[in-house]
Each structure stands twice: as C-alpha cells, then as structure tokens.
Amino acid sequence: MTEAPPPADTEPVLGFSAQADLQDALIAWRRWLDSERNMSRHTLTAYVGDVAVFLKFLTEYTGGRPPSLNDLGNLKAADFRAWLAKLAGDGLIAASRARALAAVRNLFRWMDRSGRMHNPVIATLTTPKAKRPMPRPLTELDAGRLLEEAEKDREEPWIGKRDRALFTLLYGCGLRISEALGLARRDAPLGDTLRVTGKGSKERIVPLLPAVTEAVRDYLDACPYDGGPDAPLFVGVRGGALNPAIAQRQMQHLRRLMGLPDSATPHALRHSFATHLLAGGGDLRAIQDLLGHASLSTTQRYTDVETEQLMAVYRSAHPRAKS
C-alpha cells in the first residue's frame, strides 16, 4: 500500500514549516528579496535559514502545530524573547542573534506592507548588542616591509610586481580587496584620484599617492597579459581575474616569512590605512569618506585603536608604569 502524502497545510516548502497560507507568503517574500531587493545570494540564504529556524521554534513552542499567518499576527513580545533566549541557549553569539532578528523583522515588515499580516510588537524588541572586534592594523614599519617583501618573494617577477601593486593599493587607498580586484584595466589607478564602487554600489573618490601609481604602472609594464580596457586589472598566472584566495594565501606566506601575527591579512592593510592616517592627524570624517563607511561610528573604532596603542607606549615607557 502506498504511503499517503503529508497534509498540504503542513508540508515544508523551501525548508519552512508552516501552514498553507504562510507557506505562500514565505515563497512570495523570498522571491521579493531575490528579484526586487536584489539581495546577495549569501545574505538571502542566511535570511531564509534564520526564518526557517524561527518557524521551527514556533512549531515546537506551540506544541507541534506549524504556524499560520494568524499565529504570527498574534505573537507577543514574550514569544519573540523566548525565541531569542533559545538561540542564545544554543550558543549563537550576539551578532548571529542580531542577524536572525533582522531577518524576521524584514519578513514582518514585508507582510505588513503587502497587507498579509500586521504585528507591531517585533519593532519594540531590542537588538542583541554585538561587540565588534577591534581593528588590528600593522605598524607603519611592518606595512612598509611587507610591500617590499611582496615583490621579492616570487619566481615570476611580474607576479611579485602584481602582489606589491595590489597590497600597495590596499594600504595606500584603504580599499577592500573585493574593490581592488573588481577594477578593470580602464580603471587602473594611474592618475591623481581613483573612483571606487564599494558596498551597496556606493561610489567614492580617493586620492592616489605617487607610491600607488608607481607600483601599479610597474606591474602593468611587466604583466604579460593585456585583454583590453574591460579586462581585470589584477590577473592570475593564466591571465584571468585574480582570485581573492590567491592574494590571501600570499599574505599568509608573507606573514609567516616576516613573523607577523595571523591578523595580518589583506583587510588589515585597510585598517592600517585608516589608523595611520588618524595617527598622523587625519580628520575622522574625511577618513570616513575615504573608507566609504555609511556611519561615522564605524570609523570611530579606529580612535580606540589609536588610544590603545598610545596607552601601550605609555605603559612601556613611563617610569611610574613600570613599578
């Protein structure tokens, strides 16, 4: 005898455990995130996964019956807090709980705007505070040494010049590695400024130091590949776009060679750019614009780094601190 299929109102779709009316809404929400919000694949997967976990919790929390739209509309603040407490009990850090709450909030706002369900309670919840890790820049001396070693430690001279040009660009302009590797030949930083497209397709213009333009020009003169203005600026050994993992691996090799800590990554060069500018008297808002930070509070983390470094110097040098 053939086993009967599960009831249509509880059959999971896209990993969601929900009644039929909520299933339909969830599929439409996911489609909206993908097509209209143009959410990145990584973020979309995370949001869908977080909502699936939320619905699984509600199913267990209410005695095993998958929730409906009406059930979501009737949730109280205590129900949401019980879910967040369960996440914390499962070992999720504050940043992960904050992301999960953001995903569920996104769903509830979309439900409200689309007229499917209204529950204002979720807006009253406090987002778990995630303590952001302190940026760990290189010292000015180590940054300079790393750029020199990047060019030396390669069998193919042009690859060494490429690595030096890439790392000089990250350190000299404060770029993210994705921003640098996203540049095409026509974008080559050879003038006075560079137009960068950062997170959220937000553009910014950064000034170019002579050291940056010289390193890039040296690399281009030596590079055996020239695919035209639309070709990637930084290429791999076969002429295709340079994989970020290759740059990460080379940085890993260099830090072992130089005895640098594990925090010495390509992104640490961006941290170094900001920290060294601030230490040299740079204006915080100007540094915010150069980094492409949407919020000044993100840039202000570098003041904590500078203060920590000053205190370390004080503790090591002041005679009373040694006693």
C-alpha atoms as a PDB file:
ATOM      1  CA  MET A   1       0.000   0.000   0.000  1.00  0.00           C
ATOM      2  CA  THR A   2       1.378   3.427  -0.973  1.00  0.00           C
ATOM      3  CA  GLU A   3       2.014   5.760   1.929  1.00  0.00           C
ATOM      4  CA  ALA A   4      -0.238   8.811   1.866  1.00  0.00           C
ATOM      5  CA  PRO A   5       1.477  12.169   1.319  1.00  0.00           C
ATOM      6  CA  PRO A   6       1.627  14.594   4.243  1.00  0.00           C
ATOM      7  CA  PRO A   7      -1.251  17.095   4.537  1.00  0.00           C
ATOM      8  CA  ALA A   8      -0.849  20.058   2.191  1.00  0.00           C
ATOM      9  CA  ASP A   9      -1.152  22.560   5.010  1.00  0.00           C
ATOM     10  CA  THR A  10       1.983  21.334   6.811  1.00  0.00           C
ATOM     11  CA  GLU A  11       4.279  20.177   4.000  1.00  0.00           C
ATOM     12  CA  PRO A  12       7.542  22.139   4.224  1.00  0.00           C
ATOM     13  CA  VAL A  13       8.415  24.366   1.285  1.00  0.00           C
ATOM     14  CA  LEU A  14      11.924  25.831   0.963  1.00  0.00           C
ATOM     15  CA  GLY A  15      12.672  24.424   4.413  1.00  0.00           C
ATOM     16  CA  PHE A  16       9.829  26.319   6.116  1.00  0.00           C
ATOM     17  CA  SER A  17       7.455  24.512   8.486  1.00  0.00           C
ATOM     18  CA  ALA A  18       4.192  26.455   8.153  1.00  0.00           C
ATOM     19  CA  GLN A  19       0.505  26.327   7.265  1.00  0.00           C
ATOM     20  CA  ALA A  20      -0.518  26.773   3.619  1.00  0.00           C
ATOM     21  CA  ASP A  21      -1.322  30.499   3.859  1.00  0.00           C
ATOM     22  CA  LEU A  22       2.042  31.238   5.465  1.00  0.00           C
ATOM     23  CA  GLN A  23       3.846  28.962   3.003  1.00  0.00           C
ATOM     24  CA  ASP A  24       2.512  31.017   0.089  1.00  0.00           C
ATOM     25  CA  ALA A  25       3.511  34.270   1.776  1.00  0.00           C
ATOM     26  CA  LEU A  26       7.001  32.983   2.516  1.00  0.00           C
ATOM     27  CA  ILE A  27       7.579  31.967  -1.097  1.00  0.00           C
ATOM     28  CA  ALA A  28       6.475  35.444  -2.250  1.00  0.00           C
ATOM     29  CA  TRP A  29       8.744  37.093   0.364  1.00  0.00           C
ATOM     30  CA  ARG A  30      11.748  35.082  -0.786  1.00  0.00           C
ATOM     31  CA  ARG A  31      11.005  35.976  -4.409  1.00  0.00           C
ATOM     32  CA  TRP A  32      10.806  39.651  -3.413  1.00  0.00           C
ATOM     33  CA  LEU A  33      14.169  39.510  -1.643  1.00  0.00           C
ATOM     34  CA  ASP A  34      15.777  37.901  -4.680  1.00  0.00           C
ATOM     35  CA  SER A  35      14.243  39.937  -7.509  1.00  0.00           C
ATOM     36  CA  GLU A  36      13.188  43.325  -6.143  1.00  0.00           C
ATOM     37  CA  ARG A  37      15.651  43.784  -3.290  1.00  0.00           C
ATOM     38  CA  ASN A  38      18.391  42.150  -5.380  1.00  0.00           C
ATOM     39  CA  MET A  39      19.805  40.677  -2.168  1.00  0.00           C
ATOM     40  CA  SER A  40      23.127  38.871  -2.456  1.00  0.00           C
ATOM     41  CA  ARG A  41      22.955  35.085  -2.584  1.00  0.00           C
ATOM     42  CA  HIS A  42      24.840  34.776   0.718  1.00  0.00           C
ATOM     43  CA  THR A  43      22.515  37.170   2.583  1.00  0.00           C
ATOM     44  CA  LEU A  44      19.409  35.622   1.012  1.00  0.00           C
ATOM     45  CA  THR A  45      20.457  32.160   2.147  1.00  0.00           C
ATOM     46  CA  ALA A  46      21.152  33.472   5.660  1.00  0.00           C
ATOM     47  CA  TYR A  47      17.766  35.269   5.906  1.00  0.00           C
ATOM     48  CA  VAL A  48      15.817  32.262   4.665  1.00  0.00           C
ATOM     49  CA  GLY A  49      17.704  29.990   7.056  1.00  0.00           C
ATOM     50  CA  ASP A  50      17.081  32.288  10.027  1.00  0.00           C
ATOM     51  CA  VAL A  51      13.345  32.479   9.306  1.00  0.00           C
ATOM     52  CA  ALA A  52      13.177  28.693   8.899  1.00  0.00           C
ATOM     53  CA  VAL A  53      14.764  28.282  12.352  1.00  0.00           C
ATOM     54  CA  PHE A  54      12.292  30.829  13.778  1.00  0.00           C
ATOM     55  CA  LEU A  55       9.308  28.914  12.377  1.00  0.00           C
ATOM     56  CA  LYS A  56      10.703  25.611  13.619  1.00  0.00           C
ATOM     57  CA  PHE A  57      10.957  27.154  17.095  1.00  0.00           C
ATOM     58  CA  LEU A  58       7.335  28.348  16.907  1.00  0.00           C
ATOM     59  CA  THR A  59       6.198  24.881  15.837  1.00  0.00           C
ATOM     60  CA  GLU A  60       7.845  23.330  18.894  1.00  0.00           C
ATOM     61  CA  TYR A  61       6.907  26.247  21.173  1.00  0.00           C
ATOM     62  CA  THR A  62       3.185  25.896  20.398  1.00  0.00           C
ATOM     63  CA  GLY A  63       3.005  22.119  20.787  1.00  0.00           C
ATOM     64  CA  GLY A  64       3.929  20.833  17.351  1.00  0.00           C
ATOM     65  CA  ARG A  65       1.485  22.649  15.062  1.00  0.00           C
ATOM     66  CA  PRO A  66       3.168  24.634  12.238  1.00  0.00           C
ATOM     67  CA  PRO A  67       2.227  28.337  12.459  1.00  0.00           C
ATOM     68  CA  SER A  68      -0.152  30.228  10.195  1.00  0.00           C
ATOM     69  CA  LEU A  69      -0.317  33.901   9.245  1.00  0.00           C
ATOM     70  CA  ASN A  70      -2.818  34.433  12.040  1.00  0.00           C
ATOM     71  CA  ASP A  71      -0.424  32.843  14.559  1.00  0.00           C
ATOM     72  CA  LEU A  72       2.363  35.255  13.530  1.00  0.00           C
ATOM     73  CA  GLY A  73      -0.008  38.188  13.891  1.00  0.00           C
ATOM     74  CA  ASN A  74      -0.885  37.142  17.451  1.00  0.00           C
ATOM     75  CA  LEU A  75       2.690  36.688  18.723  1.00  0.00           C
ATOM     76  CA  LYS A  76       3.559  38.637  21.879  1.00  0.00           C
ATOM     77  CA  ALA A  77       6.865  40.207  22.904  1.00  0.00           C
ATOM     78  CA  ALA A  78       7.399  37.327  25.334  1.00  0.00           C
ATOM     79  CA  ASP A  79       7.192  34.859  22.431  1.00  0.00           C
ATOM     80  CA  PHE A  80       9.907  36.662  20.486  1.00  0.00           C
ATOM     81  CA  ARG A  81      12.072  36.923  23.601  1.00  0.00           C
ATOM     82  CA  ALA A  82      11.673  33.193  24.205  1.00  0.00           C
ATOM     83  CA  TRP A  83      12.945  32.569  20.662  1.00  0.00           C
ATOM     84  CA  LEU A  84      15.970  34.847  21.163  1.00  0.00           C
ATOM     85  CA  ALA A  85      16.690  33.170  24.502  1.00  0.00           C
ATOM     86  CA  LYS A  86      16.592  29.767  22.779  1.00  0.00           C
ATOM     87  CA  LEU A  87      19.123  30.996  20.201  1.00  0.00           C
ATOM     88  CA  ALA A  88      21.390  32.228  22.990  1.00  0.00           C
ATOM     89  CA  GLY A  89      21.000  28.912  24.812  1.00  0.00           C
ATOM     90  CA  ASP A  90      22.002  27.115  21.613  1.00  0.00           C
ATOM     91  CA  GLY A  91      25.279  29.054  21.650  1.00  0.00           C
ATOM     92  CA  LEU A  92      24.596  31.706  18.982  1.00  0.00           C
ATOM     93  CA  ILE A  93      26.688  34.811  19.548  1.00  0.00           C
ATOM     94  CA  ALA A  94      25.070  38.243  19.713  1.00  0.00           C
ATOM     95  CA  ALA A  95      25.944  39.068  16.093  1.00  0.00           C
ATOM     96  CA  SER A  96      24.187  35.911  14.856  1.00  0.00           C
ATOM     97  CA  ARG A  97      21.132  36.603  17.020  1.00  0.00           C
ATOM     98  CA  ALA A  98      21.018  40.185  15.720  1.00  0.00           C
ATOM     99  CA  ARG A  99      21.090  38.929  12.135  1.00  0.00           C
ATOM    100  CA  ALA A 100      18.312  36.406  12.874  1.00  0.00           C
ATOM    101  CA  LEU A 101      16.158  39.156  14.372  1.00  0.00           C
ATOM    102  CA  ALA A 102      16.849  41.364  11.339  1.00  0.00           C
ATOM    103  CA  ALA A 103      15.689  38.575   9.019  1.00  0.00           C
ATOM    104  CA  VAL A 104      12.447  38.011  10.936  1.00  0.00           C
ATOM    105  CA  ARG A 105      11.838  41.763  11.168  1.00  0.00           C
ATOM    106  CA  ASN A 106      12.319  42.010   7.410  1.00  0.00           C
ATOM    107  CA  LEU A 107       9.674  39.319   6.915  1.00  0.00           C
ATOM    108  CA  PHE A 108       7.197  41.013   9.278  1.00  0.00           C
ATOM    109  CA  ARG A 109       7.685  44.431   7.625  1.00  0.00           C
ATOM    110  CA  TRP A 110       7.120  42.899   4.205  1.00  0.00           C
ATOM    111  CA  MET A 111       4.000  41.128   5.484  1.00  0.00           C
ATOM    112  CA  ASP A 112       2.718  44.450   6.817  1.00  0.00           C
ATOM    113  CA  ARG A 113       3.406  46.390   3.601  1.00  0.00           C
ATOM    114  CA  SER A 114       1.858  43.688   1.440  1.00  0.00           C
ATOM    115  CA  GLY A 115      -1.276  43.615   3.598  1.00  0.00           C
ATOM    116  CA  ARG A 116      -0.896  39.972   4.613  1.00  0.00           C
ATOM    117  CA  MET A 117      -0.333  40.356   8.345  1.00  0.00           C
ATOM    118  CA  HIS A 118       0.282  43.091  10.918  1.00  0.00           C
ATOM    119  CA  ASN A 119       2.164  42.683  14.187  1.00  0.00           C
ATOM    120  CA  PRO A 120       3.822  45.834  15.593  1.00  0.00           C
ATOM    121  CA  VAL A 121       5.320  44.026  18.585  1.00  0.00           C
ATOM    122  CA  ILE A 122       8.510  42.970  16.817  1.00  0.00           C
ATOM    123  CA  ALA A 123       9.504  46.630  16.353  1.00  0.00           C
ATOM    124  CA  THR A 124       9.710  47.030  20.144  1.00  0.00           C
ATOM    125  CA  LEU A 125      12.382  44.345  20.602  1.00  0.00           C
ATOM    126  CA  THR A 126      15.931  45.371  21.450  1.00  0.00           C
ATOM    127  CA  THR A 127      18.555  44.094  19.022  1.00  0.00           C
ATOM    128  CA  PRO A 128      21.258  41.975  20.711  1.00  0.00           C
ATOM    129  CA  LYS A 129      24.400  44.058  21.009  1.00  0.00           C
ATOM    130  CA  ALA A 130      27.281  42.549  19.101  1.00  0.00           C
ATOM    131  CA  LYS A 131      30.692  43.665  20.224  1.00  0.00           C
ATOM    132  CA  ARG A 132      32.637  44.413  17.087  1.00  0.00           C
ATOM    133  CA  PRO A 133      36.234  43.169  17.087  1.00  0.00           C
ATOM    134  CA  MET A 134      38.880  45.834  17.378  1.00  0.00           C
ATOM    135  CA  PRO A 135      40.691  46.520  14.069  1.00  0.00           C
ATOM    136  CA  ARG A 136      44.218  45.140  14.197  1.00  0.00           C
ATOM    137  CA  PRO A 137      46.426  47.177  11.869  1.00  0.00           C
ATOM    138  CA  LEU A 138      50.059  46.598  11.010  1.00  0.00           C
ATOM    139  CA  THR A 139      52.675  49.014  12.274  1.00  0.00           C
ATOM    140  CA  GLU A 140      53.986  51.506   9.744  1.00  0.00           C
ATOM    141  CA  LEU A 141      57.316  49.687   9.707  1.00  0.00           C
ATOM    142  CA  ASP A 142      55.729  46.267   9.110  1.00  0.00           C
ATOM    143  CA  ALA A 143      53.453  47.624   6.394  1.00  0.00           C
ATOM    144  CA  GLY A 144      56.435  49.070   4.536  1.00  0.00           C
ATOM    145  CA  ARG A 145      58.453  45.874   4.904  1.00  0.00           C
ATOM    146  CA  LEU A 146      55.548  43.758   3.706  1.00  0.00           C
ATOM    147  CA  LEU A 147      55.218  45.755   0.480  1.00  0.00           C
ATOM    148  CA  GLU A 148      58.920  45.256  -0.216  1.00  0.00           C
ATOM    149  CA  GLU A 149      58.822  41.519   0.539  1.00  0.00           C
ATOM    150  CA  ALA A 150      55.730  41.042  -1.626  1.00  0.00           C
ATOM    151  CA  GLU A 151      57.733  41.855  -4.743  1.00  0.00           C
ATOM    152  CA  LYS A 152      60.845  39.895  -3.813  1.00  0.00           C
ATOM    153  CA  ASP A 153      59.326  36.552  -2.913  1.00  0.00           C
ATOM    154  CA  ARG A 154      58.120  35.370  -6.349  1.00  0.00           C
ATOM    155  CA  GLU A 155      59.656  33.192  -9.059  1.00  0.00           C
ATOM    156  CA  GLU A 156      57.956  35.209 -11.817  1.00  0.00           C
ATOM    157  CA  PRO A 157      58.982  38.873 -11.462  1.00  0.00           C
ATOM    158  CA  TRP A 158      55.701  40.201 -12.868  1.00  0.00           C
ATOM    159  CA  ILE A 159      53.728  38.290 -10.215  1.00  0.00           C
ATOM    160  CA  GLY A 160      55.821  39.880  -7.480  1.00  0.00           C
ATOM    161  CA  LYS A 161      55.110  43.287  -9.015  1.00  0.00           C
ATOM    162  CA  ARG A 162      51.415  42.423  -9.143  1.00  0.00           C
ATOM    163  CA  ASP A 163      51.340  41.492  -5.468  1.00  0.00           C
ATOM    164  CA  ARG A 164      53.190  44.651  -4.498  1.00  0.00           C
ATOM    165  CA  ALA A 165      50.817  46.777  -6.606  1.00  0.00           C
ATOM    166  CA  LEU A 166      47.745  45.130  -5.070  1.00  0.00           C
ATOM    167  CA  PHE A 167      48.923  45.420  -1.469  1.00  0.00           C
ATOM    168  CA  THR A 168      50.164  48.987  -2.044  1.00  0.00           C
ATOM    169  CA  LEU A 169      46.707  49.876  -3.364  1.00  0.00           C
ATOM    170  CA  LEU A 170      45.002  48.376  -0.315  1.00  0.00           C
ATOM    171  CA  TYR A 171      47.319  50.189   2.077  1.00  0.00           C
ATOM    172  CA  GLY A 172      47.663  53.451   0.135  1.00  0.00           C
ATOM    173  CA  CYS A 173      43.946  53.923  -0.602  1.00  0.00           C
ATOM    174  CA  GLY A 174      42.189  51.906   2.106  1.00  0.00           C
ATOM    175  CA  LEU A 175      40.412  49.659  -0.388  1.00  0.00           C
ATOM    176  CA  ARG A 176      38.672  46.399   0.404  1.00  0.00           C
ATOM    177  CA  ILE A 177      40.231  43.526  -1.512  1.00  0.00           C
ATOM    178  CA  SER A 178      36.957  42.996  -3.402  1.00  0.00           C
ATOM    179  CA  GLU A 179      37.065  46.641  -4.523  1.00  0.00           C
ATOM    180  CA  ALA A 180      40.652  46.337  -5.751  1.00  0.00           C
ATOM    181  CA  LEU A 181      40.072  43.048  -7.564  1.00  0.00           C
ATOM    182  CA  GLY A 182      36.907  44.466  -9.119  1.00  0.00           C
ATOM    183  CA  LEU A 183      38.887  47.124 -11.007  1.00  0.00           C
ATOM    184  CA  ALA A 184      39.236  46.817 -14.784  1.00  0.00           C
ATOM    185  CA  ARG A 185      42.201  47.951 -16.879  1.00  0.00           C
ATOM    186  CA  ARG A 186      40.371  51.158 -17.761  1.00  0.00           C
ATOM    187  CA  ASP A 187      40.140  51.886 -14.004  1.00  0.00           C
ATOM    188  CA  ALA A 188      43.889  51.497 -13.446  1.00  0.00           C
ATOM    189  CA  PRO A 189      44.936  53.946 -10.693  1.00  0.00           C
ATOM    190  CA  LEU A 190      47.471  55.945 -12.667  1.00  0.00           C
ATOM    191  CA  GLY A 191      46.200  59.499 -12.168  1.00  0.00           C
ATOM    192  CA  ASP A 192      45.529  61.715  -9.167  1.00  0.00           C
ATOM    193  CA  THR A 193      42.316  60.044  -7.991  1.00  0.00           C
ATOM    194  CA  LEU A 194      40.520  56.719  -8.186  1.00  0.00           C
ATOM    195  CA  ARG A 195      36.772  56.151  -8.414  1.00  0.00           C
ATOM    196  CA  VAL A 196      35.805  53.138  -6.283  1.00  0.00           C
ATOM    197  CA  THR A 197      32.495  51.258  -6.191  1.00  0.00           C
ATOM    198  CA  GLY A 198      32.034  49.872  -2.698  1.00  0.00           C
ATOM    199  CA  LYS A 199      29.317  48.187  -0.664  1.00  0.00           C
ATOM    200  CA  GLY A 200      25.776  48.863  -1.808  1.00  0.00           C
ATOM    201  CA  SER A 201      27.131  50.099  -5.177  1.00  0.00           C
ATOM    202  CA  LYS A 202      28.116  53.317  -3.400  1.00  0.00           C
ATOM    203  CA  GLU A 203      30.830  55.256  -5.216  1.00  0.00           C
ATOM    204  CA  ARG A 204      33.611  57.245  -3.628  1.00  0.00           C
ATOM    205  CA  ILE A 205      36.696  59.017  -4.906  1.00  0.00           C
ATOM    206  CA  VAL A 206      40.044  58.515  -3.192  1.00  0.00           C
ATOM    207  CA  PRO A 207      43.281  60.405  -3.882  1.00  0.00           C
ATOM    208  CA  LEU A 208      46.247  58.443  -5.183  1.00  0.00           C
ATOM    209  CA  LEU A 209      49.723  58.603  -3.723  1.00  0.00           C
ATOM    210  CA  PRO A 210      52.704  58.506  -6.104  1.00  0.00           C
ATOM    211  CA  ALA A 211      53.788  55.224  -4.475  1.00  0.00           C
ATOM    212  CA  VAL A 212      50.498  53.635  -5.548  1.00  0.00           C
ATOM    213  CA  THR A 213      50.604  54.823  -9.153  1.00  0.00           C
ATOM    214  CA  GLU A 214      54.281  53.828  -9.456  1.00  0.00           C
ATOM    215  CA  ALA A 215      53.622  50.314  -8.163  1.00  0.00           C
ATOM    216  CA  VAL A 216      50.637  49.843 -10.489  1.00  0.00           C
ATOM    217  CA  ARG A 217      52.489  51.199 -13.521  1.00  0.00           C
ATOM    218  CA  ASP A 218      55.459  48.944 -12.743  1.00  0.00           C
ATOM    219  CA  TYR A 219      53.123  45.943 -12.614  1.00  0.00           C
ATOM    220  CA  LEU A 220      51.334  46.833 -15.852  1.00  0.00           C
ATOM    221  CA  ASP A 221      54.616  47.304 -17.698  1.00  0.00           C
ATOM    222  CA  ALA A 222      55.732  43.819 -16.619  1.00  0.00           C
ATOM    223  CA  CYS A 223      52.388  41.987 -16.957  1.00  0.00           C
ATOM    224  CA  PRO A 224      52.383  39.630 -19.991  1.00  0.00           C
ATOM    225  CA  TYR A 225      48.579  39.902 -20.395  1.00  0.00           C
ATOM    226  CA  ASP A 226      46.606  42.799 -21.870  1.00  0.00           C
ATOM    227  CA  GLY A 227      42.994  41.942 -22.533  1.00  0.00           C
ATOM    228  CA  GLY A 228      41.910  45.484 -23.259  1.00  0.00           C
ATOM    229  CA  PRO A 229      40.093  48.123 -21.176  1.00  0.00           C
ATOM    230  CA  ASP A 230      37.410  45.723 -19.925  1.00  0.00           C
ATOM    231  CA  ALA A 231      39.888  43.069 -18.750  1.00  0.00           C
ATOM    232  CA  PRO A 232      40.562  42.754 -15.000  1.00  0.00           C
ATOM    233  CA  LEU A 233      43.362  44.940 -13.702  1.00  0.00           C
ATOM    234  CA  PHE A 234      44.815  42.224 -11.472  1.00  0.00           C
ATOM    235  CA  VAL A 235      45.203  38.861 -13.173  1.00  0.00           C
ATOM    236  CA  GLY A 236      46.358  35.376 -12.254  1.00  0.00           C
ATOM    237  CA  VAL A 237      49.084  33.302 -13.886  1.00  0.00           C
ATOM    238  CA  ARG A 238      46.794  32.330 -16.797  1.00  0.00           C
ATOM    239  CA  GLY A 239      45.510  35.831 -17.415  1.00  0.00           C
ATOM    240  CA  GLY A 240      42.095  35.510 -15.779  1.00  0.00           C
ATOM    241  CA  ALA A 241      40.824  37.646 -12.922  1.00  0.00           C
ATOM    242  CA  LEU A 242      42.927  37.180  -9.789  1.00  0.00           C
ATOM    243  CA  ASN A 243      41.154  35.023  -7.213  1.00  0.00           C
ATOM    244  CA  PRO A 244      40.992  36.660  -3.765  1.00  0.00           C
ATOM    245  CA  ALA A 245      42.120  33.367  -2.226  1.00  0.00           C
ATOM    246  CA  ILE A 246      45.434  33.702  -4.080  1.00  0.00           C
ATOM    247  CA  ALA A 247      46.036  37.119  -2.526  1.00  0.00           C
ATOM    248  CA  GLN A 248      45.018  35.786   0.889  1.00  0.00           C
ATOM    249  CA  ARG A 249      47.418  32.869   0.514  1.00  0.00           C
ATOM    250  CA  GLN A 250      50.293  35.121  -0.487  1.00  0.00           C
ATOM    251  CA  MET A 251      49.649  37.362   2.516  1.00  0.00           C
ATOM    252  CA  GLN A 252      49.626  34.271   4.731  1.00  0.00           C
ATOM    253  CA  HIS A 253      53.001  33.262   3.308  1.00  0.00           C
ATOM    254  CA  LEU A 254      54.437  36.752   3.841  1.00  0.00           C
ATOM    255  CA  ARG A 255      53.322  36.997   7.453  1.00  0.00           C
ATOM    256  CA  ARG A 256      54.947  33.655   8.209  1.00  0.00           C
ATOM    257  CA  LEU A 257      58.108  34.826   6.491  1.00  0.00           C
ATOM    258  CA  MET A 258      58.126  38.070   8.475  1.00  0.00           C
ATOM    259  CA  GLY A 259      56.882  36.665  11.775  1.00  0.00           C
ATOM    260  CA  LEU A 260      53.667  38.730  11.732  1.00  0.00           C
ATOM    261  CA  PRO A 261      50.507  37.717  13.627  1.00  0.00           C
ATOM    262  CA  ASP A 262      47.556  35.944  11.997  1.00  0.00           C
ATOM    263  CA  SER A 263      45.703  39.265  11.982  1.00  0.00           C
ATOM    264  CA  ALA A 264      47.999  40.446   9.168  1.00  0.00           C
ATOM    265  CA  THR A 265      45.548  39.891   6.309  1.00  0.00           C
ATOM    266  CA  PRO A 266      44.813  41.938   3.170  1.00  0.00           C
ATOM    267  CA  HIS A 267      41.987  43.623   5.095  1.00  0.00           C
ATOM    268  CA  ALA A 268      44.464  44.592   7.810  1.00  0.00           C
ATOM    269  CA  LEU A 269      46.088  46.873   5.214  1.00  0.00           C
ATOM    270  CA  ARG A 270      42.789  48.788   5.024  1.00  0.00           C
ATOM    271  CA  HIS A 271      42.777  49.013   8.835  1.00  0.00           C
ATOM    272  CA  SER A 272      46.390  50.214   8.676  1.00  0.00           C
ATOM    273  CA  PHE A 273      45.464  52.916   6.158  1.00  0.00           C
ATOM    274  CA  ALA A 274      42.815  54.341   8.491  1.00  0.00           C
ATOM    275  CA  THR A 275      44.817  54.001  11.710  1.00  0.00           C
ATOM    276  CA  HIS A 276      47.974  55.568  10.292  1.00  0.00           C
ATOM    277  CA  LEU A 277      46.004  58.466   8.782  1.00  0.00           C
ATOM    278  CA  LEU A 278      44.341  59.111  12.130  1.00  0.00           C
ATOM    279  CA  ALA A 279      47.656  58.933  13.980  1.00  0.00           C
ATOM    280  CA  GLY A 280      49.063  61.469  11.511  1.00  0.00           C
ATOM    281  CA  GLY A 281      46.321  63.964  12.320  1.00  0.00           C
ATOM    282  CA  GLY A 282      43.740  62.957   9.704  1.00  0.00           C
ATOM    283  CA  ASP A 283      40.172  64.189  10.153  1.00  0.00           C
ATOM    284  CA  LEU A 284      37.765  61.447  11.204  1.00  0.00           C
ATOM    285  CA  ARG A 285      35.030  62.454   8.759  1.00  0.00           C
ATOM    286  CA  ALA A 286      37.496  62.641   5.895  1.00  0.00           C
ATOM    287  CA  ILE A 287      38.697  59.138   6.752  1.00  0.00           C
ATOM    288  CA  GLN A 288      35.053  58.012   6.824  1.00  0.00           C
ATOM    289  CA  ASP A 289      34.605  59.275   3.262  1.00  0.00           C
ATOM    290  CA  LEU A 290      37.845  57.663   2.095  1.00  0.00           C
ATOM    291  CA  LEU A 291      36.826  54.292   3.539  1.00  0.00           C
ATOM    292  CA  GLY A 292      33.265  54.523   2.260  1.00  0.00           C
ATOM    293  CA  HIS A 293      31.710  53.957   5.689  1.00  0.00           C
ATOM    294  CA  ALA A 294      27.998  54.740   5.845  1.00  0.00           C
ATOM    295  CA  SER A 295      28.200  55.504   9.569  1.00  0.00           C
ATOM    296  CA  LEU A 296      30.771  57.597  11.418  1.00  0.00           C
ATOM    297  CA  SER A 297      30.529  55.199  14.362  1.00  0.00           C
ATOM    298  CA  THR A 298      32.182  52.515  12.221  1.00  0.00           C
ATOM    299  CA  THR A 299      35.133  54.823  11.551  1.00  0.00           C
ATOM    300  CA  GLN A 300      35.358  55.832  15.211  1.00  0.00           C
ATOM    301  CA  ARG A 301      36.592  52.331  16.059  1.00  0.00           C
ATOM    302  CA  TYR A 302      39.994  53.465  14.811  1.00  0.00           C
ATOM    303  CA  THR A 303      40.194  56.096  17.553  1.00  0.00           C
ATOM    304  CA  ASP A 304      40.002  53.209  20.045  1.00  0.00           C
ATOM    305  CA  VAL A 305      42.921  51.533  18.260  1.00  0.00           C
ATOM    306  CA  GLU A 306      44.992  54.706  18.419  1.00  0.00           C
ATOM    307  CA  THR A 307      44.180  55.201  22.117  1.00  0.00           C
ATOM    308  CA  GLU A 308      45.100  51.579  22.856  1.00  0.00           C
ATOM    309  CA  GLN A 309      48.436  51.996  21.065  1.00  0.00           C
ATOM    310  CA  LEU A 310      49.188  55.220  22.942  1.00  0.00           C
ATOM    311  CA  MET A 311      48.418  53.516  26.254  1.00  0.00           C
ATOM    312  CA  ALA A 312      50.718  50.629  25.321  1.00  0.00           C
ATOM    313  CA  VAL A 313      53.543  53.110  24.660  1.00  0.00           C
ATOM    314  CA  TYR A 314      52.789  54.880  27.955  1.00  0.00           C
ATOM    315  CA  ARG A 315      52.807  51.644  29.949  1.00  0.00           C
ATOM    316  CA  SER A 316      56.097  50.539  28.426  1.00  0.00           C
ATOM    317  CA  ALA A 317      57.898  53.912  28.629  1.00  0.00           C
ATOM    318  CA  HIS A 318      56.654  55.794  31.675  1.00  0.00           C
ATOM    319  CA  PRO A 319      58.862  55.154  34.719  1.00  0.00           C
ATOM    320  CA  ARG A 320      55.921  55.032  37.141  1.00  0.00           C
ATOM    321  CA  ALA A 321      54.102  52.499  34.920  1.00  0.00           C
ATOM    322  CA  LYS A 322      56.998  50.075  35.317  1.00  0.00           C
ATOM    323  CA  SER A 323      56.901  49.961  39.089  1.00  0.00           C
END
